[in-house]
């Protein structure tokens, strides 16, 4: 059985877009590596309704 892994970068006030902009000094190369490992370390990638390929115009 496969497992579902959910990952989201959310600020304290609920901002989800562009985490590099609002995270400031806390966004390091280590965070980049962890996100890349999480993204490419899986068999499949499930994108939701708001994914860039299906964003509203």
PDB file of N, CA and C in Angstrom:
ATOM      1  N   UNK A   1       0.835  -1.179   0.000  1.00  0.00           N
ATOM      2  CA  UNK A   1       0.000   0.000   0.000  1.00  0.00           C
ATOM      3  C   UNK A   1       0.882   1.245   0.000  1.00  0.00           C
ATOM      4  N   UNK A   2       0.528   2.205  -0.814  1.00  0.00           N
ATOM      5  CA  UNK A   2       1.276   3.460  -0.879  1.00  0.00           C
ATOM      6  C   UNK A   2       0.792   4.419   0.196  1.00  0.00           C
ATOM      7  N   UNK A   3       1.621   5.387   0.494  1.00  0.00           N
ATOM      8  CA  UNK A   3       1.209   6.407   1.453  1.00  0.00           C
ATOM      9  C   UNK A   3       1.142   7.760   0.759  1.00  0.00           C
ATOM     10  N   UNK A   4       0.293   8.621   1.273  1.00  0.00           N
ATOM     11  CA  UNK A   4       0.142   9.966   0.746  1.00  0.00           C
ATOM     12  C   UNK A   4       0.929  10.909   1.652  1.00  0.00           C
ATOM     13  N   UNK A   5       1.774  11.729   1.034  1.00  0.00           N
ATOM     14  CA  UNK A   5       2.566  12.714   1.770  1.00  0.00           C
ATOM     15  C   UNK A   5       2.121  14.100   1.309  1.00  0.00           C
ATOM     16  N   UNK A   6       1.690  14.923   2.250  1.00  0.00           N
ATOM     17  CA  UNK A   6       1.261  16.288   1.925  1.00  0.00           C
ATOM     18  C   UNK A   6       2.285  17.269   2.485  1.00  0.00           C
ATOM     19  N   UNK A   7       2.627  18.263   1.689  1.00  0.00           N
ATOM     20  CA  UNK A   7       3.581  19.263   2.120  1.00  0.00           C
ATOM     21  C   UNK A   7       3.085  20.637   1.692  1.00  0.00           C
ATOM     22  N   UNK A   8       3.117  21.591   2.614  1.00  0.00           N
ATOM     23  CA  UNK A   8       2.699  22.954   2.295  1.00  0.00           C
ATOM     24  C   UNK A   8       3.528  23.939   3.099  1.00  0.00           C
ATOM     25  N   UNK A   9       3.953  24.999   2.452  1.00  0.00           N
ATOM     26  CA  UNK A   9       4.657  26.089   3.122  1.00  0.00           C
ATOM     27  C   UNK A   9       3.649  27.209   3.326  1.00  0.00           C
ATOM     28  N   UNK A  10       3.271  27.440   4.568  1.00  0.00           N
ATOM     29  CA  UNK A  10       2.248  28.433   4.892  1.00  0.00           C
ATOM     30  C   UNK A  10       2.796  29.371   5.953  1.00  0.00           C
ATOM     31  N   UNK A  11       2.609  30.673   5.756  1.00  0.00           N
ATOM     32  CA  UNK A  11       3.051  31.641   6.765  1.00  0.00           C
ATOM     33  C   UNK A  11       2.050  31.660   7.919  1.00  0.00           C
ATOM     34  N   UNK A  12       2.391  32.335   9.003  1.00  0.00           N
ATOM     35  CA  UNK A  12       1.513  32.403  10.172  1.00  0.00           C
ATOM     36  C   UNK A  12       0.197  33.110   9.876  1.00  0.00           C
ATOM     37  N   UNK A  13       0.192  34.000   8.898  1.00  0.00           N
ATOM     38  CA  UNK A  13      -1.056  34.686   8.561  1.00  0.00           C
ATOM     39  C   UNK A  13      -1.772  34.039   7.372  1.00  0.00           C
ATOM     40  N   UNK A  14      -1.355  32.837   6.997  1.00  0.00           N
ATOM     41  CA  UNK A  14      -2.065  32.067   5.983  1.00  0.00           C
ATOM     42  C   UNK A  14      -1.609  32.245   4.556  1.00  0.00           C
ATOM     43  N   UNK A  15      -0.531  32.965   4.307  1.00  0.00           N
ATOM     44  CA  UNK A  15      -0.041  33.156   2.941  1.00  0.00           C
ATOM     45  C   UNK A  15       0.611  31.862   2.455  1.00  0.00           C
ATOM     46  N   UNK A  16       0.202  31.419   1.288  1.00  0.00           N
ATOM     47  CA  UNK A  16       0.714  30.163   0.746  1.00  0.00           C
ATOM     48  C   UNK A  16       1.627  30.406  -0.454  1.00  0.00           C
ATOM     49  N   UNK A  17       1.389  31.443  -1.225  1.00  0.00           N
ATOM     50  CA  UNK A  17       2.151  31.678  -2.442  1.00  0.00           C
ATOM     51  C   UNK A  17       3.524  32.274  -2.157  1.00  0.00           C
ATOM     52  N   UNK A  18       4.478  31.954  -2.985  1.00  0.00           N
ATOM     53  CA  UNK A  18       5.841  32.485  -2.958  1.00  0.00           C
ATOM     54  C   UNK A  18       6.493  32.446  -1.576  1.00  0.00           C
ATOM     55  N   UNK A  19       6.743  31.252  -1.035  1.00  0.00           N
ATOM     56  CA  UNK A  19       7.324  31.171   0.308  1.00  0.00           C
ATOM     57  C   UNK A  19       8.704  31.810   0.424  1.00  0.00           C
ATOM     58  N   UNK A  20       9.432  31.925  -0.676  1.00  0.00           N
ATOM     59  CA  UNK A  20      10.759  32.541  -0.607  1.00  0.00           C
ATOM     60  C   UNK A  20      10.627  34.023  -0.249  1.00  0.00           C
ATOM     61  N   UNK A  21       9.539  34.647  -0.673  1.00  0.00           N
ATOM     62  CA  UNK A  21       9.337  36.074  -0.392  1.00  0.00           C
ATOM     63  C   UNK A  21       9.048  36.333   1.090  1.00  0.00           C
ATOM     64  N   UNK A  22       8.179  35.514   1.707  1.00  0.00           N
ATOM     65  CA  UNK A  22       7.777  35.801   3.079  1.00  0.00           C
ATOM     66  C   UNK A  22       8.585  35.070   4.133  1.00  0.00           C
ATOM     67  N   UNK A  23       9.423  34.126   3.752  1.00  0.00           N
ATOM     68  CA  UNK A  23      10.176  33.376   4.759  1.00  0.00           C
ATOM     69  C   UNK A  23      11.504  34.029   5.127  1.00  0.00           C
ATOM     70  N   UNK A  24      11.960  34.969   4.315  1.00  0.00           N
ATOM     71  CA  UNK A  24      13.165  35.723   4.643  1.00  0.00           C
ATOM     72  C   UNK A  24      14.397  34.861   4.864  1.00  0.00           C
ATOM     73  N   UNK A  25      15.095  35.094   5.967  1.00  0.00           N
ATOM     74  CA  UNK A  25      16.344  34.391   6.260  1.00  0.00           C
ATOM     75  C   UNK A  25      16.150  32.913   6.584  1.00  0.00           C
ATOM     76  N   UNK A  26      14.914  32.493   6.811  1.00  0.00           N
ATOM     77  CA  UNK A  26      14.671  31.100   7.172  1.00  0.00           C
ATOM     78  C   UNK A  26      14.676  30.175   5.964  1.00  0.00           C
ATOM     79  N   UNK A  27      14.583  30.722   4.763  1.00  0.00           N
ATOM     80  CA  UNK A  27      14.617  29.901   3.544  1.00  0.00           C
ATOM     81  C   UNK A  27      16.084  29.717   3.161  1.00  0.00           C
ATOM     82  N   UNK A  28      16.608  28.541   3.436  1.00  0.00           N
ATOM     83  CA  UNK A  28      18.028  28.274   3.205  1.00  0.00           C
ATOM     84  C   UNK A  28      18.197  27.216   2.117  1.00  0.00           C
ATOM     85  N   UNK A  29      19.438  26.933   1.788  1.00  0.00           N
ATOM     86  CA  UNK A  29      19.715  25.867   0.824  1.00  0.00           C
ATOM     87  C   UNK A  29      19.255  24.519   1.357  1.00  0.00           C
ATOM     88  N   UNK A  30      19.307  24.342   2.670  1.00  0.00           N
ATOM     89  CA  UNK A  30      18.834  23.086   3.267  1.00  0.00           C
ATOM     90  C   UNK A  30      17.330  22.907   3.036  1.00  0.00           C
ATOM     91  N   UNK A  31      16.580  23.972   3.165  1.00  0.00           N
ATOM     92  CA  UNK A  31      15.139  23.916   2.901  1.00  0.00           C
ATOM     93  C   UNK A  31      14.901  23.583   1.439  1.00  0.00           C
ATOM     94  N   UNK A  32      15.662  24.199   0.541  1.00  0.00           N
ATOM     95  CA  UNK A  32      15.557  23.881  -0.883  1.00  0.00           C
ATOM     96  C   UNK A  32      15.808  22.398  -1.135  1.00  0.00           C
ATOM     97  N   UNK A  33      16.880  21.868  -0.539  1.00  0.00           N
ATOM     98  CA  UNK A  33      17.208  20.445  -0.724  1.00  0.00           C
ATOM     99  C   UNK A  33      16.084  19.552  -0.196  1.00  0.00           C
ATOM    100  N   UNK A  34      15.543  19.884   0.974  1.00  0.00           N
ATOM    101  CA  UNK A  34      14.456  19.075   1.534  1.00  0.00           C
ATOM    102  C   UNK A  34      13.226  19.087   0.624  1.00  0.00           C
ATOM    103  N   UNK A  35      12.895  20.259   0.073  1.00  0.00           N
ATOM    104  CA  UNK A  35      11.748  20.341  -0.832  1.00  0.00           C
ATOM    105  C   UNK A  35      11.980  19.570  -2.123  1.00  0.00           C
ATOM    106  N   UNK A  36      13.173  19.648  -2.669  1.00  0.00           N
ATOM    107  CA  UNK A  36      13.491  18.901  -3.890  1.00  0.00           C
ATOM    108  C   UNK A  36      13.442  17.397  -3.614  1.00  0.00           C
ATOM    109  N   UNK A  37      14.004  16.968  -2.488  1.00  0.00           N
ATOM    110  CA  UNK A  37      13.957  15.550  -2.134  1.00  0.00           C
ATOM    111  C   UNK A  37      12.524  15.073  -1.956  1.00  0.00           C
ATOM    112  N   UNK A  38      11.686  15.892  -1.347  1.00  0.00           N
ATOM    113  CA  UNK A  38      10.286  15.534  -1.150  1.00  0.00           C
ATOM    114  C   UNK A  38       9.555  15.443  -2.483  1.00  0.00           C
ATOM    115  N   UNK A  39       9.847  16.384  -3.383  1.00  0.00           N
ATOM    116  CA  UNK A  39       9.177  16.416  -4.678  1.00  0.00           C
ATOM    117  C   UNK A  39       9.572  15.246  -5.574  1.00  0.00           C
ATOM    118  N   UNK A  40      10.883  14.995  -5.689  1.00  0.00           N
ATOM    119  CA  UNK A  40      11.350  13.986  -6.631  1.00  0.00           C
ATOM    120  C   UNK A  40      11.597  12.619  -6.000  1.00  0.00           C
ATOM    121  N   UNK A  41      11.377  12.483  -4.712  1.00  0.00           N
ATOM    122  CA  UNK A  41      11.600  11.212  -4.039  1.00  0.00           C
ATOM    123  C   UNK A  41      10.378  10.320  -4.006  1.00  0.00           C
ATOM    124  N   UNK A  42       9.381  10.613  -4.826  1.00  0.00           N
ATOM    125  CA  UNK A  42       8.137   9.846  -4.839  1.00  0.00           C
ATOM    126  C   UNK A  42       7.884   9.249  -6.219  1.00  0.00           C
ATOM    127  N   UNK A  43       6.992   8.266  -6.250  1.00  0.00           N
ATOM    128  CA  UNK A  43       6.645   7.608  -7.509  1.00  0.00           C
ATOM    129  C   UNK A  43       5.692   8.445  -8.356  1.00  0.00           C
ATOM    130  N   UNK A  44       4.826   9.215  -7.699  1.00  0.00           N
ATOM    131  CA  UNK A  44       3.809   9.976  -8.415  1.00  0.00           C
ATOM    132  C   UNK A  44       3.646  11.333  -7.752  1.00  0.00           C
ATOM    133  N   UNK A  45       3.098  12.280  -8.511  1.00  0.00           N
ATOM    134  CA  UNK A  45       2.858  13.619  -8.009  1.00  0.00           C
ATOM    135  C   UNK A  45       1.403  13.955  -8.288  1.00  0.00           C
ATOM    136  N   UNK A  46       0.658  14.253  -7.247  1.00  0.00           N
ATOM    137  CA  UNK A  46      -0.757  14.588  -7.379  1.00  0.00           C
ATOM    138  C   UNK A  46      -0.911  16.094  -7.248  1.00  0.00           C
ATOM    139  N   UNK A  47      -1.408  16.730  -8.299  1.00  0.00           N
ATOM    140  CA  UNK A  47      -1.614  18.173  -8.292  1.00  0.00           C
ATOM    141  C   UNK A  47      -3.094  18.458  -8.099  1.00  0.00           C
ATOM    142  N   UNK A  48      -3.397  19.442  -7.306  1.00  0.00           N
ATOM    143  CA  UNK A  48      -4.790  19.804  -7.044  1.00  0.00           C
ATOM    144  C   UNK A  48      -5.373  20.702  -8.111  1.00  0.00           C
ATOM    145  N   UNK A  49      -6.562  21.192  -7.834  1.00  0.00           N
ATOM    146  CA  UNK A  49      -7.273  22.042  -8.793  1.00  0.00           C
ATOM    147  C   UNK A  49      -6.515  23.313  -9.124  1.00  0.00           C
ATOM    148  N   UNK A  50      -5.764  23.843  -8.169  1.00  0.00           N
ATOM    149  CA  UNK A  50      -5.076  25.113  -8.374  1.00  0.00           C
ATOM    150  C   UNK A  50      -3.680  24.971  -8.904  1.00  0.00           C
ATOM    151  N   UNK A  51      -3.344  23.836  -9.487  1.00  0.00           N
ATOM    152  CA  UNK A  51      -2.006  23.636 -10.009  1.00  0.00           C
ATOM    153  C   UNK A  51      -1.754  24.577 -11.185  1.00  0.00           C
ATOM    154  N   UNK A  52      -0.494  24.925 -11.444  1.00  0.00           N
ATOM    155  CA  UNK A  52      -0.191  25.881 -12.523  1.00  0.00           C
ATOM    156  C   UNK A  52      -0.736  25.477 -13.892  1.00  0.00           C
ATOM    157  N   UNK A  53      -0.837  24.183 -14.156  1.00  0.00           N
ATOM    158  CA  UNK A  53      -1.317  23.747 -15.478  1.00  0.00           C
ATOM    159  C   UNK A  53      -2.812  23.956 -15.652  1.00  0.00           C
ATOM    160  N   UNK A  54      -3.551  24.159 -14.546  1.00  0.00           N
ATOM    161  CA  UNK A  54      -4.996  24.322 -14.644  1.00  0.00           C
ATOM    162  C   UNK A  54      -5.477  25.580 -13.938  1.00  0.00           C
ATOM    163  N   UNK A  55      -4.624  26.552 -13.758  1.00  0.00           N
ATOM    164  CA  UNK A  55      -5.021  27.758 -13.038  1.00  0.00           C
ATOM    165  C   UNK A  55      -6.051  28.554 -13.827  1.00  0.00           C
ATOM    166  N   UNK A  56      -6.961  29.224 -13.123  1.00  0.00           N
ATOM    167  CA  UNK A  56      -7.976  30.019 -13.837  1.00  0.00           C
ATOM    168  C   UNK A  56      -7.344  31.183 -14.595  1.00  0.00           C
ATOM    169  N   UNK A  57      -7.934  31.554 -15.657  1.00  0.00           N
ATOM    170  CA  UNK A  57      -7.399  32.629 -16.501  1.00  0.00           C
ATOM    171  C   UNK A  57      -8.026  33.950 -16.158  1.00  0.00           C
TER     172      UNK A  57
END
